[in-house]
Amino acid sequence: MSAAVTYRDARPDDAAALSALFGRSFTETFGHLYQPGDLAAFLAEQSPDRWADQLADPDFAVRIAAAGSEAVGLIKLGPLKLPVDNARDALELRQLYVDRSFHGEGVAAALMDWLAEEAGRRGARELYLSVYADNHRARRFYARYGFEYVGPTVFIVGDHVDEDVILRRAL
């Protein structure tokens, strides 16, 4: 059994921990898809400084899951940037990552519950996200939360173009 998990809004002093968790989780899940140089450049863009900037930006909201002093999960809500038509009062789930050792323990579910509450508090009527088309585990997870297929999009890491799908949920 893993340590007890607590949840709170992320603070600027969490930037390094969030950057590290993102890098570790992204690499574990998707690292095999990319050339090492492309992956390293992409991860460098998710630096602690960039996280600190977003944590200071009121257009973003980040929730952190922690076990003791260790960040084990994160979820980021932000302005809609995905190429969708007719979005109205919409926000975007930008990132959701949970440390592999905490998969299956309800961390992602707790973060998703917060996401819906926070998006509603911000006046959103819709939530969008993009997910790697072949990440079937994540797609099943999002379907359980009412997200439905909208259409294809791409996610670019260096010279590699991933096929992603856009999902939408009404609030």
Protein backbone atom coordinates (compact mmCIF):
# COMPACT_ATOMS: atom_id res chain seq x y z
CA MET A 1 0.00 0.00 0.00
CA SER A 2 1.33 3.42 -0.94
CA ALA A 3 1.51 6.35 1.45
CA ALA A 4 -1.62 8.40 2.07
CA VAL A 5 -2.24 10.97 -0.65
CA THR A 6 -3.26 14.57 0.01
CA TYR A 7 -4.51 17.10 -2.54
CA ARG A 8 -4.05 20.85 -2.75
CA ASP A 9 -3.71 23.70 -5.18
CA ALA A 10 -0.19 23.89 -6.55
CA ARG A 11 1.98 26.81 -5.47
CA PRO A 12 4.93 28.50 -7.20
CA ASP A 13 7.33 26.60 -4.95
CA ASP A 14 5.95 23.34 -6.44
CA ALA A 15 7.28 24.19 -9.91
CA ALA A 16 10.39 21.99 -9.71
CA ALA A 17 8.44 19.01 -8.34
CA LEU A 18 5.75 19.37 -11.02
CA SER A 19 8.36 19.63 -13.77
CA ALA A 20 10.11 16.50 -12.46
CA LEU A 21 6.86 14.52 -12.13
CA PHE A 22 5.78 15.53 -15.62
CA GLY A 23 9.15 14.58 -17.10
CA ARG A 24 9.25 11.22 -15.36
CA SER A 25 5.65 10.30 -16.20
CA PHE A 26 5.79 11.50 -19.80
CA THR A 27 9.02 9.60 -20.41
CA GLU A 28 7.67 6.38 -18.84
CA THR A 29 4.52 6.56 -20.94
CA PHE A 30 5.69 8.02 -24.25
CA GLY A 31 9.49 8.14 -24.26
CA HIS A 32 9.78 5.13 -26.56
CA LEU A 33 8.06 7.08 -29.35
CA TYR A 34 10.73 9.76 -29.74
CA GLN A 35 14.35 10.22 -30.67
CA PRO A 36 16.38 11.08 -27.54
CA GLY A 37 17.19 14.61 -28.72
CA ASP A 38 13.57 15.39 -29.54
CA LEU A 39 12.41 14.07 -26.17
CA ALA A 40 15.07 16.02 -24.28
CA ALA A 41 14.17 19.27 -26.06
CA PHE A 42 10.47 18.75 -25.39
CA LEU A 43 11.04 18.03 -21.70
CA ALA A 44 13.28 21.10 -21.42
CA GLU A 45 10.26 23.18 -22.50
CA GLN A 46 8.46 21.92 -19.38
CA SER A 47 11.06 23.53 -17.12
CA PRO A 48 10.45 24.63 -13.54
CA ASP A 49 10.46 28.24 -14.81
CA ARG A 50 7.64 27.51 -17.26
CA TRP A 51 5.66 25.75 -14.54
CA ALA A 52 6.23 28.73 -12.22
CA ASP A 53 4.96 31.11 -14.92
CA GLN A 54 1.79 29.06 -15.39
CA LEU A 55 1.26 28.73 -11.64
CA ALA A 56 1.38 32.53 -11.41
CA ASP A 57 -1.06 32.94 -14.31
CA PRO A 58 -4.70 33.18 -13.15
CA ASP A 59 -5.85 31.59 -16.44
CA PHE A 60 -4.34 28.30 -15.24
CA ALA A 61 -5.21 26.12 -12.28
CA VAL A 62 -3.06 23.21 -11.16
CA ARG A 63 -3.89 20.64 -8.51
CA ILE A 64 -1.19 18.48 -6.97
CA ALA A 65 -1.45 15.08 -5.33
CA ALA A 66 1.28 14.44 -2.78
CA ALA A 67 2.41 11.46 -0.73
CA GLY A 68 4.32 13.03 2.10
CA SER A 69 6.52 15.65 0.46
CA GLU A 70 6.60 13.89 -2.93
CA ALA A 71 4.42 15.00 -5.86
CA VAL A 72 2.68 11.89 -7.20
CA GLY A 73 -0.01 13.43 -9.40
CA LEU A 74 -0.91 16.62 -11.19
CA ILE A 75 -3.72 18.02 -13.26
CA LYS A 76 -3.63 21.31 -15.16
CA LEU A 77 -6.62 23.31 -16.37
CA GLY A 78 -6.12 26.17 -18.80
CA PRO A 79 -7.50 28.17 -21.69
CA LEU A 80 -8.71 26.22 -24.71
CA LYS A 81 -5.98 26.02 -27.37
CA LEU A 82 -7.16 22.94 -29.28
CA PRO A 83 -8.47 23.42 -32.84
CA VAL A 84 -12.20 22.98 -32.23
CA ASP A 85 -15.18 24.70 -33.81
CA ASN A 86 -18.07 26.25 -31.93
CA ALA A 87 -16.58 25.86 -28.46
CA ARG A 88 -18.51 27.93 -25.98
CA ASP A 89 -17.31 28.85 -22.50
CA ALA A 90 -14.74 26.09 -22.81
CA LEU A 91 -11.56 25.23 -20.94
CA GLU A 92 -8.93 22.60 -21.63
CA LEU A 93 -7.51 19.82 -19.53
CA ARG A 94 -3.88 20.46 -20.42
CA GLN A 95 -2.16 17.71 -18.44
CA LEU A 96 -3.01 14.82 -16.15
CA TYR A 97 -0.16 12.66 -14.89
CA VAL A 98 0.06 10.23 -11.99
CA ASP A 99 3.23 8.51 -10.84
CA ARG A 100 3.08 4.90 -12.02
CA SER A 101 3.39 3.57 -8.44
CA PHE A 102 0.07 5.28 -7.63
CA HIS A 103 -1.91 4.00 -10.63
CA GLY A 104 -5.13 2.30 -9.56
CA GLU A 105 -5.30 4.06 -6.19
CA GLY A 106 -7.87 6.71 -7.06
CA VAL A 107 -5.44 9.59 -7.54
CA ALA A 108 -6.49 10.32 -11.13
CA ALA A 109 -10.16 10.05 -10.15
CA ALA A 110 -9.73 12.57 -7.33
CA LEU A 111 -7.91 14.95 -9.66
CA MET A 112 -10.67 14.61 -12.28
CA ASP A 113 -13.33 15.37 -9.67
CA TRP A 114 -11.46 18.56 -8.79
CA LEU A 115 -11.16 19.43 -12.49
CA ALA A 116 -14.91 19.37 -13.04
CA GLU A 117 -15.52 21.47 -9.94
CA GLU A 118 -12.84 24.01 -10.83
CA ALA A 119 -13.97 24.30 -14.44
CA GLY A 120 -17.55 24.88 -13.30
CA ARG A 121 -16.40 27.46 -10.78
CA ARG A 122 -14.67 29.29 -13.63
CA GLY A 123 -17.88 29.32 -15.65
CA ALA A 124 -16.96 26.66 -18.19
CA ARG A 125 -19.73 24.80 -19.95
CA GLU A 126 -17.39 22.45 -21.79
CA LEU A 127 -14.05 20.77 -21.22
CA TYR A 128 -11.74 19.62 -23.99
CA LEU A 129 -8.57 17.56 -24.01
CA SER A 130 -6.31 15.79 -26.44
CA VAL A 131 -4.91 12.33 -25.89
CA TYR A 132 -2.58 10.09 -27.88
CA ALA A 133 -4.79 8.03 -30.19
CA ASP A 134 -3.13 4.76 -29.15
CA ASN A 135 -3.29 5.47 -25.40
CA HIS A 136 -6.31 3.22 -24.96
CA ARG A 137 -6.05 3.13 -21.16
CA ALA A 138 -6.33 6.91 -20.97
CA ARG A 139 -9.13 7.01 -23.54
CA ARG A 140 -11.16 4.49 -21.51
CA PHE A 141 -10.51 6.53 -18.36
CA TYR A 142 -11.73 9.75 -19.99
CA ALA A 143 -14.79 7.98 -21.42
CA ARG A 144 -15.78 7.04 -17.85
CA TYR A 145 -15.85 10.78 -17.11
CA GLY A 146 -18.16 11.53 -20.01
CA PHE A 147 -15.61 12.67 -22.59
CA GLU A 148 -16.64 11.97 -26.17
CA TYR A 149 -14.72 11.93 -29.43
CA VAL A 150 -14.61 15.20 -31.37
CA GLY A 151 -11.96 14.58 -34.01
CA PRO A 152 -8.30 14.10 -34.80
CA THR A 153 -5.42 16.45 -34.07
CA VAL A 154 -1.65 16.18 -33.92
CA PHE A 155 0.92 16.48 -31.15
CA ILE A 156 4.45 17.31 -32.26
CA VAL A 157 7.63 16.43 -30.40
CA GLY A 158 10.66 17.48 -32.44
CA ASP A 159 10.38 15.83 -35.85
CA HIS A 160 7.83 13.28 -34.64
CA VAL A 161 4.12 13.83 -35.26
CA ASP A 162 1.73 11.88 -33.04
CA GLU A 163 -1.87 11.23 -33.95
CA ASP A 164 -3.98 12.52 -31.07
CA VAL A 165 -7.72 12.72 -30.65
CA ILE A 166 -9.73 15.58 -29.21
CA LEU A 167 -12.33 14.68 -26.60
CA ARG A 168 -15.12 16.87 -25.19
CA ARG A 169 -17.27 16.79 -22.09
CA ALA A 170 -20.25 19.01 -21.38
CA LEU A 171 -20.47 20.34 -17.83
